[in-house]
Every structure is written in structure tokens, then in C-alpha cells.
């Protein structure tokens, strides 16, 4: 599923690289706040879902070629996070839902996508 479709289904707001969201595919989710785990789990088809909102996050996502970052709980990220995501070419979106709800919706949508393709 493309990132723009993920954002639409979640009701998320895409803050950076809206054009890239139409080209990037998501097949995996990493949900958590430990950057060290992301470094070992992230791939070019991984969407990072987190409450962690600091300017290092986009850099870590870039290092693992993650598809994008989805912040949860509908908050407004610090301008430094938005600027870093923009500079590093990372799609940054904000889900209005909490971590549990966002991950549940993603599981439902990505599971449906996989089943339809088989």
C-alpha cells in the first residue's frame, strides 16, 4: 500500500514530501520508541509508528531507508522534526489516533492488502 493511501485511511496529515508519499510502498510496520531497534528492523518498506518526536528520528529513518514516519496522538511535532524530515527526504505524517488504534488500523489495512494480492 502506498504511503498516501495509508495516510488517507488513518486520517493522518502528511507534513513533508507529499509527492513522495504517492511513490513509496509500505509492507511492514515498526511501532515503538527505541531507535536502536529501528536500526535493526527498518527497511525501505517499513513505516515507523511512534510517539517519539525529536529531530534525530528522521536521520535514523534515513539511515535505514524507512518508507516514512507516522507520529501518533495527533500532536504537532516540533518544527525541528519537520525541518529534519524535509531535509532528509522522509515522509512525515501525524495520525490523530493513539499508538494502539493506529497500529490496529494499519494491521487491518495492510493485512487486507496482502490478502487481496494472493
N, C-alpha and C. Protein backbone atom coordinates (compact mmCIF):
# COMPACT_ATOMS: atom_id res chain seq x y z
N UNK A 1 0.85 -1.17 0.00
CA UNK A 1 0.00 0.00 0.00
C UNK A 1 0.90 1.24 0.00
N UNK A 2 0.57 2.21 -0.77
CA UNK A 2 1.35 3.45 -0.84
C UNK A 2 1.12 4.29 0.42
N UNK A 3 2.12 5.09 0.76
CA UNK A 3 2.02 5.93 1.96
C UNK A 3 0.84 6.90 1.91
N UNK A 4 0.54 7.43 0.74
CA UNK A 4 -0.61 8.34 0.65
C UNK A 4 -1.92 7.62 0.97
N UNK A 5 -2.02 6.34 0.59
CA UNK A 5 -3.21 5.56 0.91
C UNK A 5 -3.28 5.27 2.42
N UNK A 6 -2.12 4.97 3.01
CA UNK A 6 -2.05 4.74 4.44
C UNK A 6 -2.53 5.99 5.18
N UNK A 7 -2.00 7.14 4.79
CA UNK A 7 -2.37 8.40 5.44
C UNK A 7 -3.87 8.65 5.31
N UNK A 8 -4.41 8.41 4.14
CA UNK A 8 -5.84 8.64 3.91
C UNK A 8 -6.69 7.73 4.80
N UNK A 9 -6.33 6.47 4.88
CA UNK A 9 -7.11 5.52 5.68
C UNK A 9 -7.01 5.83 7.18
N UNK A 10 -5.85 6.31 7.61
CA UNK A 10 -5.68 6.66 9.02
C UNK A 10 -6.28 8.01 9.38
N UNK A 11 -6.56 8.81 8.37
CA UNK A 11 -6.97 10.19 8.63
C UNK A 11 -5.78 11.03 9.08
N UNK A 12 -4.59 10.60 8.66
CA UNK A 12 -3.35 11.27 9.06
C UNK A 12 -3.06 12.46 8.15
N UNK A 13 -2.35 13.40 8.68
CA UNK A 13 -1.91 14.57 7.93
C UNK A 13 -0.46 14.36 7.51
N UNK A 14 -0.19 14.46 6.21
CA UNK A 14 1.18 14.34 5.71
C UNK A 14 1.81 15.73 5.76
N UNK A 15 2.92 15.84 6.51
CA UNK A 15 3.55 17.13 6.72
C UNK A 15 4.73 17.40 5.78
N UNK A 16 5.38 16.36 5.31
CA UNK A 16 6.53 16.54 4.44
C UNK A 16 6.48 15.56 3.28
N UNK A 17 7.01 15.97 2.16
CA UNK A 17 7.18 15.12 0.97
C UNK A 17 5.89 14.42 0.53
N UNK A 18 4.81 15.21 0.40
CA UNK A 18 3.53 14.65 -0.05
C UNK A 18 3.66 13.94 -1.39
N UNK A 19 4.48 14.47 -2.30
CA UNK A 19 4.66 13.85 -3.60
C UNK A 19 5.31 12.48 -3.49
N UNK A 20 6.26 12.31 -2.59
CA UNK A 20 6.94 11.04 -2.39
C UNK A 20 5.97 10.00 -1.83
N UNK A 21 4.98 10.43 -1.06
CA UNK A 21 4.01 9.51 -0.47
C UNK A 21 3.23 8.74 -1.53
N UNK A 22 3.14 9.26 -2.74
CA UNK A 22 2.44 8.58 -3.82
C UNK A 22 3.31 7.49 -4.45
N UNK A 23 4.61 7.50 -4.17
CA UNK A 23 5.54 6.55 -4.79
C UNK A 23 6.08 5.49 -3.84
N UNK A 24 5.98 5.72 -2.54
CA UNK A 24 6.61 4.83 -1.56
C UNK A 24 5.60 3.79 -1.07
N UNK A 25 6.04 2.55 -1.10
CA UNK A 25 5.20 1.43 -0.69
C UNK A 25 5.51 1.01 0.74
N UNK A 26 4.46 0.66 1.50
CA UNK A 26 4.62 0.19 2.87
C UNK A 26 4.17 -1.27 2.93
N UNK A 27 5.04 -2.10 3.50
CA UNK A 27 4.69 -3.51 3.70
C UNK A 27 4.89 -3.95 5.13
N UNK A 28 5.67 -3.17 5.89
CA UNK A 28 5.98 -3.51 7.28
C UNK A 28 5.79 -2.29 8.18
N UNK A 29 5.54 -2.58 9.43
CA UNK A 29 5.38 -1.52 10.43
C UNK A 29 6.36 -1.80 11.57
N UNK A 30 7.03 -0.77 12.03
CA UNK A 30 7.77 -0.86 13.28
C UNK A 30 7.12 0.15 14.21
N UNK A 31 6.53 -0.34 15.28
CA UNK A 31 5.87 0.54 16.25
C UNK A 31 6.66 0.52 17.54
N UNK A 32 7.17 1.67 17.92
CA UNK A 32 7.92 1.75 19.16
C UNK A 32 8.71 3.03 19.24
N UNK A 33 9.44 3.15 20.34
CA UNK A 33 10.18 4.38 20.60
C UNK A 33 11.68 4.14 20.79
N UNK A 34 12.15 2.96 20.45
CA UNK A 34 13.58 2.66 20.61
C UNK A 34 14.27 2.75 19.26
N UNK A 35 15.07 3.78 19.08
CA UNK A 35 15.77 3.97 17.82
C UNK A 35 16.73 2.83 17.53
N UNK A 36 17.30 2.23 18.57
CA UNK A 36 18.23 1.12 18.34
C UNK A 36 17.52 -0.06 17.69
N UNK A 37 16.26 -0.32 18.05
CA UNK A 37 15.51 -1.39 17.40
C UNK A 37 15.18 -1.04 15.96
N UNK A 38 14.88 0.20 15.71
CA UNK A 38 14.59 0.61 14.34
C UNK A 38 15.78 0.35 13.43
N UNK A 39 16.97 0.60 13.94
CA UNK A 39 18.18 0.39 13.14
C UNK A 39 18.31 -1.06 12.68
N UNK A 40 17.83 -1.99 13.49
CA UNK A 40 17.93 -3.39 13.09
C UNK A 40 16.68 -3.89 12.38
N UNK A 41 15.56 -3.21 12.53
CA UNK A 41 14.29 -3.67 11.96
C UNK A 41 13.87 -2.93 10.70
N UNK A 42 14.34 -1.72 10.50
CA UNK A 42 13.85 -0.88 9.41
C UNK A 42 14.33 -1.31 8.04
N UNK A 43 13.46 -1.15 7.05
CA UNK A 43 13.78 -1.40 5.64
C UNK A 43 13.10 -0.31 4.81
N UNK A 44 13.30 -0.36 3.51
CA UNK A 44 12.70 0.64 2.63
C UNK A 44 11.18 0.52 2.53
N UNK A 45 10.61 -0.56 3.05
CA UNK A 45 9.15 -0.70 3.05
C UNK A 45 8.57 -0.64 4.46
N UNK A 46 9.36 -0.13 5.42
CA UNK A 46 8.92 -0.05 6.81
C UNK A 46 8.43 1.36 7.14
N UNK A 47 7.26 1.44 7.74
CA UNK A 47 6.73 2.69 8.27
C UNK A 47 6.97 2.68 9.78
N UNK A 48 7.66 3.69 10.27
CA UNK A 48 7.92 3.84 11.69
C UNK A 48 6.72 4.54 12.33
N UNK A 49 6.11 3.89 13.31
CA UNK A 49 4.98 4.47 14.04
C UNK A 49 5.45 4.71 15.47
N UNK A 50 5.38 5.95 15.93
CA UNK A 50 5.97 6.28 17.22
C UNK A 50 5.37 7.53 17.85
N UNK A 51 5.56 7.68 19.18
CA UNK A 51 5.24 8.94 19.86
C UNK A 51 6.50 9.78 19.98
N UNK A 52 7.63 9.19 19.68
CA UNK A 52 8.91 9.86 19.80
C UNK A 52 8.99 10.96 18.76
N UNK A 53 9.20 12.16 19.21
CA UNK A 53 9.24 13.28 18.27
C UNK A 53 10.47 14.13 18.57
N UNK A 54 11.60 13.71 18.00
CA UNK A 54 12.79 14.53 18.13
C UNK A 54 13.51 14.60 16.79
N UNK A 55 14.37 15.55 16.64
CA UNK A 55 14.99 15.84 15.35
C UNK A 55 15.93 14.73 14.88
N UNK A 56 16.32 13.78 15.75
CA UNK A 56 17.16 12.66 15.33
C UNK A 56 16.37 11.58 14.60
N UNK A 57 15.08 11.51 14.86
CA UNK A 57 14.25 10.46 14.28
C UNK A 57 14.30 10.42 12.75
N UNK A 58 14.15 11.54 12.06
CA UNK A 58 14.25 11.49 10.60
C UNK A 58 15.62 11.02 10.10
N UNK A 59 16.67 11.34 10.81
CA UNK A 59 18.01 10.89 10.43
C UNK A 59 18.11 9.37 10.55
N UNK A 60 17.59 8.80 11.63
CA UNK A 60 17.59 7.35 11.80
C UNK A 60 16.76 6.69 10.70
N UNK A 61 15.61 7.27 10.40
CA UNK A 61 14.76 6.74 9.33
C UNK A 61 15.50 6.77 7.99
N UNK A 62 16.26 7.82 7.76
CA UNK A 62 17.05 7.91 6.53
C UNK A 62 18.14 6.83 6.49
N UNK A 63 18.78 6.59 7.60
CA UNK A 63 19.85 5.58 7.66
C UNK A 63 19.37 4.19 7.26
N UNK A 64 18.15 3.85 7.62
CA UNK A 64 17.62 2.52 7.30
C UNK A 64 16.73 2.55 6.06
N UNK A 65 16.68 3.69 5.39
CA UNK A 65 15.84 3.86 4.20
C UNK A 65 14.37 3.57 4.47
N UNK A 66 13.89 3.91 5.67
CA UNK A 66 12.49 3.67 6.03
C UNK A 66 11.56 4.41 5.08
N UNK A 67 10.40 3.82 4.84
CA UNK A 67 9.41 4.43 3.95
C UNK A 67 8.92 5.76 4.48
N UNK A 68 8.79 5.88 5.79
CA UNK A 68 8.31 7.12 6.37
C UNK A 68 8.13 6.99 7.87
N UNK A 69 7.64 8.07 8.46
CA UNK A 69 7.40 8.14 9.90
C UNK A 69 5.96 8.58 10.11
N UNK A 70 5.28 7.88 11.02
CA UNK A 70 3.93 8.27 11.42
C UNK A 70 3.94 8.54 12.92
N UNK A 71 3.80 9.79 13.28
CA UNK A 71 3.67 10.17 14.68
C UNK A 71 2.22 9.98 15.10
N UNK A 72 2.00 9.59 16.35
CA UNK A 72 0.64 9.30 16.81
C UNK A 72 0.16 10.35 17.80
N UNK A 73 -1.09 10.27 18.14
CA UNK A 73 -1.76 11.13 19.13
C UNK A 73 -2.07 12.53 18.62
N UNK A 74 -1.99 12.74 17.32
CA UNK A 74 -2.44 13.98 16.73
C UNK A 74 -1.72 15.25 17.12
N UNK A 75 -0.61 15.13 17.80
CA UNK A 75 0.11 16.32 18.22
C UNK A 75 0.85 17.00 17.08
N UNK A 76 1.22 18.23 17.31
CA UNK A 76 2.02 18.96 16.34
C UNK A 76 3.49 18.74 16.68
N UNK A 77 4.24 18.12 15.75
CA UNK A 77 5.65 17.91 16.05
C UNK A 77 6.41 19.23 16.10
N UNK A 78 7.50 19.20 16.82
CA UNK A 78 8.39 20.34 16.91
C UNK A 78 8.84 20.74 15.49
N UNK A 79 8.96 22.03 15.22
CA UNK A 79 9.42 22.46 13.89
C UNK A 79 10.76 21.85 13.48
N UNK A 80 11.62 21.53 14.46
CA UNK A 80 12.89 20.90 14.15
C UNK A 80 12.72 19.51 13.56
N UNK A 81 11.71 18.78 14.01
CA UNK A 81 11.43 17.44 13.48
C UNK A 81 10.94 17.56 12.04
N UNK A 82 10.06 18.50 11.79
CA UNK A 82 9.54 18.70 10.44
C UNK A 82 10.66 19.11 9.50
N UNK A 83 11.48 20.03 9.94
CA UNK A 83 12.61 20.50 9.13
C UNK A 83 13.59 19.35 8.82
N UNK A 84 13.89 18.53 9.84
CA UNK A 84 14.81 17.40 9.65
C UNK A 84 14.21 16.37 8.69
N UNK A 85 12.92 16.09 8.80
CA UNK A 85 12.28 15.14 7.89
C UNK A 85 12.33 15.68 6.46
N UNK A 86 12.09 16.96 6.31
CA UNK A 86 12.13 17.58 5.00
C UNK A 86 13.54 17.51 4.41
N UNK A 87 14.54 17.85 5.22
CA UNK A 87 15.92 17.84 4.76
C UNK A 87 16.41 16.44 4.38
N UNK A 88 15.93 15.42 5.09
CA UNK A 88 16.40 14.05 4.86
C UNK A 88 15.50 13.28 3.89
N UNK A 89 14.50 13.94 3.33
CA UNK A 89 13.64 13.29 2.34
C UNK A 89 12.70 12.25 2.91
N UNK A 90 12.29 12.43 4.14
CA UNK A 90 11.42 11.47 4.83
C UNK A 90 9.98 11.95 4.82
N UNK A 91 9.07 11.06 4.46
CA UNK A 91 7.65 11.37 4.56
C UNK A 91 7.28 11.33 6.03
N UNK A 92 6.75 12.44 6.54
CA UNK A 92 6.34 12.55 7.94
C UNK A 92 4.85 12.80 7.98
N UNK A 93 4.13 11.95 8.71
CA UNK A 93 2.69 12.13 8.86
C UNK A 93 2.32 12.05 10.33
N UNK A 94 1.15 12.59 10.66
CA UNK A 94 0.66 12.56 12.03
C UNK A 94 -0.73 11.94 12.04
N UNK A 95 -0.86 10.84 12.79
CA UNK A 95 -2.15 10.17 12.95
C UNK A 95 -2.91 10.82 14.09
N UNK A 96 -4.21 11.01 13.94
CA UNK A 96 -4.99 11.59 15.04
C UNK A 96 -5.23 10.59 16.17
N UNK A 97 -4.96 9.31 15.91
CA UNK A 97 -5.22 8.25 16.88
C UNK A 97 -3.98 7.96 17.72
N UNK A 98 -4.17 7.22 18.81
CA UNK A 98 -3.07 6.78 19.65
C UNK A 98 -2.33 5.62 19.02
N UNK A 99 -1.30 5.16 19.68
CA UNK A 99 -0.46 4.07 19.16
C UNK A 99 -1.27 2.79 18.93
N UNK A 100 -2.04 2.38 19.91
CA UNK A 100 -2.81 1.14 19.81
C UNK A 100 -3.79 1.19 18.64
N UNK A 101 -4.54 2.26 18.55
CA UNK A 101 -5.54 2.40 17.49
C UNK A 101 -4.89 2.48 16.12
N UNK A 102 -3.81 3.26 16.01
CA UNK A 102 -3.12 3.42 14.73
C UNK A 102 -2.57 2.07 14.27
N UNK A 103 -1.94 1.33 15.17
CA UNK A 103 -1.38 0.03 14.79
C UNK A 103 -2.49 -0.96 14.42
N UNK A 104 -3.60 -0.92 15.14
CA UNK A 104 -4.73 -1.79 14.80
C UNK A 104 -5.26 -1.51 13.41
N UNK A 105 -5.39 -0.24 13.07
CA UNK A 105 -5.86 0.13 11.74
C UNK A 105 -4.86 -0.29 10.67
N UNK A 106 -3.58 -0.07 10.93
CA UNK A 106 -2.55 -0.46 9.97
C UNK A 106 -2.55 -1.97 9.75
N UNK A 107 -2.69 -2.72 10.81
CA UNK A 107 -2.76 -4.18 10.68
C UNK A 107 -3.94 -4.59 9.80
N UNK A 108 -5.06 -3.95 10.05
CA UNK A 108 -6.26 -4.25 9.26
C UNK A 108 -6.05 -3.90 7.79
N UNK A 109 -5.53 -2.74 7.50
CA UNK A 109 -5.36 -2.29 6.12
C UNK A 109 -4.28 -3.07 5.39
N UNK A 110 -3.13 -3.26 6.03
CA UNK A 110 -2.04 -3.97 5.37
C UNK A 110 -2.34 -5.45 5.24
N UNK A 111 -3.05 -6.01 6.20
CA UNK A 111 -3.46 -7.41 6.10
C UNK A 111 -4.43 -7.61 4.95
N UNK A 112 -5.37 -6.67 4.79
CA UNK A 112 -6.32 -6.72 3.69
C UNK A 112 -5.61 -6.61 2.35
N UNK A 113 -4.63 -5.73 2.27
CA UNK A 113 -3.88 -5.53 1.03
C UNK A 113 -3.15 -6.81 0.65
N UNK A 114 -2.50 -7.44 1.60
CA UNK A 114 -1.77 -8.69 1.30
C UNK A 114 -2.72 -9.77 0.87
N UNK A 115 -3.86 -9.91 1.55
CA UNK A 115 -4.81 -10.98 1.22
C UNK A 115 -5.37 -10.79 -0.18
N UNK A 116 -5.63 -9.53 -0.54
CA UNK A 116 -6.21 -9.27 -1.85
C UNK A 116 -5.24 -9.61 -2.97
N UNK A 117 -3.94 -9.50 -2.72
CA UNK A 117 -2.94 -9.77 -3.75
C UNK A 117 -2.62 -11.24 -3.91
N UNK A 118 -3.08 -12.09 -3.01
CA UNK A 118 -2.74 -13.51 -3.09
C UNK A 118 -3.78 -14.31 -3.82
